[in-house]
Amino acid sequence: MAKKISIQPKKIIRMARQQQQRSKVQRETGPKFEVPAGRYTEGVGRRKVATSRVRIYEQKDGQFIVNDQLAKDYFSNIPQAAKILDLPFELTGTQGKFAVTVKVKGSGIKAQLEAVTHGLSRALVKFEESFRALLKEDSMLTRDSRMKESRKPGRGGKARRKRQSPRR
């Protein structure tokens, strides 16, 4: 027979406060990156449900920061992430000329990566209009409109799944 564990309300409150203090310390000690000073150019990119707000600063050999983390750490699960993020810079010949900060949210990590490259391409076009032809050639400015198909009633839970029919 299982033994009942009783915790007094005061103990629960004390445990919750300790947890809050621990999480506050963790947030404060995490690496904070300085936002580059000066003017920036902003571009918004989207893919599926992911939305990214990309800011590029004219600064030699600047860092690529995504949600207060280095891009290589944030997208560490995707093997070709560095190459994909660098593609707009390669096409325009601007490697190492910008510092980039990104705020991205929604969807999965791969869709977020594609939203960042889309926003980066748009920001580069805002910065220099002559980049439009170079980026459009490789369809970096086109928003990928494919979205998750919505579910239909009477379909057994999924968008296209058929209900199992009883055997006769």
Protein backbone atom coordinates (compact mmCIF):
# COMPACT_ATOMS: atom_id res chain seq x y z
CA MET A 1 0.00 0.00 0.00
CA ALA A 2 1.35 3.41 -0.98
CA LYS A 3 2.24 5.83 1.77
CA LYS A 4 0.56 9.23 1.60
CA ILE A 5 2.90 12.20 1.61
CA SER A 6 1.57 15.36 3.18
CA ILE A 7 3.27 18.68 2.59
CA GLN A 8 2.23 21.72 4.56
CA PRO A 9 1.29 24.86 2.60
CA LYS A 10 4.16 26.83 4.18
CA LYS A 11 6.64 24.28 2.89
CA ILE A 12 5.15 24.48 -0.62
CA ILE A 13 5.44 28.27 -0.61
CA ARG A 14 9.05 28.09 0.62
CA MET A 15 9.93 25.54 -2.10
CA ALA A 16 8.34 27.73 -4.77
CA ARG A 17 10.32 30.79 -3.62
CA GLN A 18 13.57 28.81 -3.69
CA GLN A 19 12.80 27.64 -7.22
CA GLN A 20 12.09 31.23 -8.33
CA GLN A 21 15.38 32.43 -6.86
CA ARG A 22 17.30 29.61 -8.59
CA SER A 23 15.73 30.40 -11.97
CA LYS A 24 16.40 34.14 -11.49
CA VAL A 25 20.08 33.42 -10.83
CA GLN A 26 20.25 31.19 -13.93
CA ARG A 27 18.74 33.91 -16.11
CA GLU A 28 21.12 36.58 -14.79
CA THR A 29 24.26 34.46 -15.19
CA GLY A 30 23.47 33.39 -18.77
CA PRO A 31 25.58 34.97 -21.53
CA LYS A 32 24.19 38.33 -22.53
CA PHE A 33 25.32 39.81 -25.79
CA GLU A 34 25.62 43.51 -26.38
CA VAL A 35 23.37 44.88 -29.07
CA PRO A 36 25.57 46.65 -31.61
CA ALA A 37 25.32 50.43 -31.48
CA GLY A 38 24.24 52.51 -34.43
CA ARG A 39 21.65 52.28 -37.15
CA TYR A 40 20.16 49.01 -38.29
CA THR A 41 18.05 47.67 -41.12
CA GLU A 42 15.19 45.36 -40.24
CA GLY A 43 13.52 42.58 -42.19
CA VAL A 44 10.69 40.26 -41.22
CA GLY A 45 10.76 36.66 -42.43
CA ARG A 46 8.15 33.93 -42.16
CA ARG A 47 7.87 30.19 -42.73
CA LYS A 48 4.93 28.02 -41.62
CA VAL A 49 4.01 29.57 -38.24
CA ALA A 50 7.54 30.83 -37.48
CA THR A 51 8.16 34.59 -37.60
CA SER A 52 11.57 36.21 -37.36
CA ARG A 53 12.56 39.84 -36.91
CA VAL A 54 16.08 40.28 -38.27
CA ARG A 55 18.21 43.38 -37.69
CA ILE A 56 21.50 43.89 -39.51
CA TYR A 57 24.07 46.40 -38.25
CA GLU A 58 26.96 47.64 -40.38
CA GLN A 59 29.83 46.29 -38.32
CA LYS A 60 32.86 44.28 -39.42
CA ASP A 61 32.97 40.67 -38.18
CA GLY A 62 29.92 41.07 -35.96
CA GLN A 63 28.21 38.20 -34.18
CA PHE A 64 25.09 36.39 -35.37
CA ILE A 65 22.77 36.33 -32.34
CA VAL A 66 19.42 34.49 -32.31
CA ASN A 67 17.17 34.86 -29.24
CA ASP A 68 20.13 35.92 -27.02
CA GLN A 69 22.24 32.93 -28.14
CA LEU A 70 24.87 32.52 -30.82
CA ALA A 71 23.30 31.19 -34.01
CA LYS A 72 25.55 28.12 -34.04
CA ASP A 73 24.30 27.22 -30.54
CA TYR A 74 20.63 27.99 -31.22
CA PHE A 75 20.56 25.92 -34.43
CA SER A 76 23.02 23.27 -33.19
CA ASN A 77 20.65 20.38 -34.07
CA ILE A 78 20.66 21.26 -37.78
CA PRO A 79 23.89 20.14 -39.50
CA GLN A 80 23.90 22.66 -42.38
CA ALA A 81 22.58 25.63 -40.36
CA ALA A 82 25.72 27.78 -40.68
CA LYS A 83 25.77 27.29 -44.44
CA ILE A 84 22.04 28.10 -44.78
CA LEU A 85 22.36 31.26 -42.65
CA ASP A 86 25.39 32.42 -44.65
CA LEU A 87 23.72 31.95 -48.06
CA PRO A 88 22.21 35.48 -48.40
CA PHE A 89 25.60 36.98 -47.51
CA GLU A 90 27.39 34.74 -50.05
CA LEU A 91 24.98 35.67 -52.83
CA THR A 92 25.44 39.39 -52.19
CA GLY A 93 29.16 39.21 -51.39
CA THR A 94 28.77 40.75 -47.94
CA GLN A 95 30.29 38.07 -45.67
CA GLY A 96 31.72 39.52 -42.46
CA LYS A 97 30.35 43.03 -43.04
CA PHE A 98 27.34 42.86 -40.71
CA ALA A 99 26.39 42.05 -37.14
CA VAL A 100 23.00 40.34 -36.95
CA THR A 101 20.44 40.11 -34.15
CA VAL A 102 17.31 37.99 -34.53
CA LYS A 103 14.16 37.44 -32.51
CA VAL A 104 12.33 34.36 -33.75
CA LYS A 105 9.30 32.51 -32.40
CA GLY A 106 6.75 29.91 -33.39
CA SER A 107 6.80 26.56 -35.20
CA GLY A 108 9.79 24.19 -35.15
CA ILE A 109 13.52 24.78 -35.33
CA LYS A 110 13.83 24.10 -39.10
CA ALA A 111 10.98 26.49 -39.96
CA GLN A 112 12.60 29.09 -37.69
CA LEU A 113 15.88 28.69 -39.57
CA GLU A 114 14.12 29.26 -42.90
CA ALA A 115 12.24 32.25 -41.46
CA VAL A 116 15.56 33.77 -40.37
CA THR A 117 17.09 33.41 -43.85
CA HIS A 118 13.96 34.94 -45.38
CA GLY A 119 14.11 37.90 -42.98
CA LEU A 120 17.84 38.28 -43.55
CA SER A 121 17.32 38.46 -47.31
CA ARG A 122 14.61 41.09 -46.90
CA ALA A 123 16.82 43.15 -44.58
CA LEU A 124 19.70 43.04 -47.09
CA VAL A 125 17.36 44.29 -49.85
CA LYS A 126 16.24 47.17 -47.62
CA PHE A 127 19.89 47.97 -46.96
CA GLU A 128 20.90 47.91 -50.64
CA GLU A 129 18.24 47.75 -53.37
CA SER A 130 20.72 46.33 -55.91
CA PHE A 131 20.79 43.04 -53.93
CA ARG A 132 17.19 42.34 -54.98
CA ALA A 133 18.12 40.79 -58.35
CA LEU A 134 20.82 38.59 -56.81
CA LEU A 135 18.56 37.26 -54.06
CA LYS A 136 15.47 36.92 -56.25
CA GLU A 137 17.45 34.76 -58.68
CA ASP A 138 17.85 32.10 -55.96
CA SER A 139 14.28 32.73 -54.67
CA MET A 140 15.50 33.96 -51.27
CA LEU A 141 12.85 36.69 -51.20
CA THR A 142 9.90 34.39 -51.90
CA ARG A 143 7.79 33.52 -48.87
CA ASP A 144 7.20 29.74 -48.79
CA SER A 145 3.42 29.64 -48.52
CA ARG A 146 3.10 25.97 -47.55
CA MET A 147 1.27 25.65 -44.26
CA LYS A 148 -0.14 22.80 -42.19
CA GLU A 149 -3.44 21.65 -43.66
CA SER A 150 -6.35 22.26 -41.32
CA ARG A 151 -8.25 19.28 -39.97
CA LYS A 152 -11.72 18.48 -41.22
CA PRO A 153 -14.65 17.20 -39.18
CA GLY A 154 -15.47 13.51 -39.48
CA ARG A 155 -11.96 12.54 -40.56
CA GLY A 156 -10.65 10.82 -37.44
CA GLY A 157 -8.43 13.57 -36.09
CA LYS A 158 -6.14 14.47 -39.00
CA ALA A 159 -6.55 16.53 -42.16
CA ARG A 160 -6.69 13.67 -44.66
CA ARG A 161 -6.89 10.58 -42.51
CA LYS A 162 -9.93 8.39 -43.12
CA ARG A 163 -11.78 6.78 -40.24
CA GLN A 164 -11.25 3.08 -39.83
CA SER A 165 -14.25 1.20 -41.15
CA PRO A 166 -15.51 -1.86 -39.27
CA ARG A 167 -14.84 -5.22 -40.86
CA ARG A 168 -17.84 -6.99 -42.25
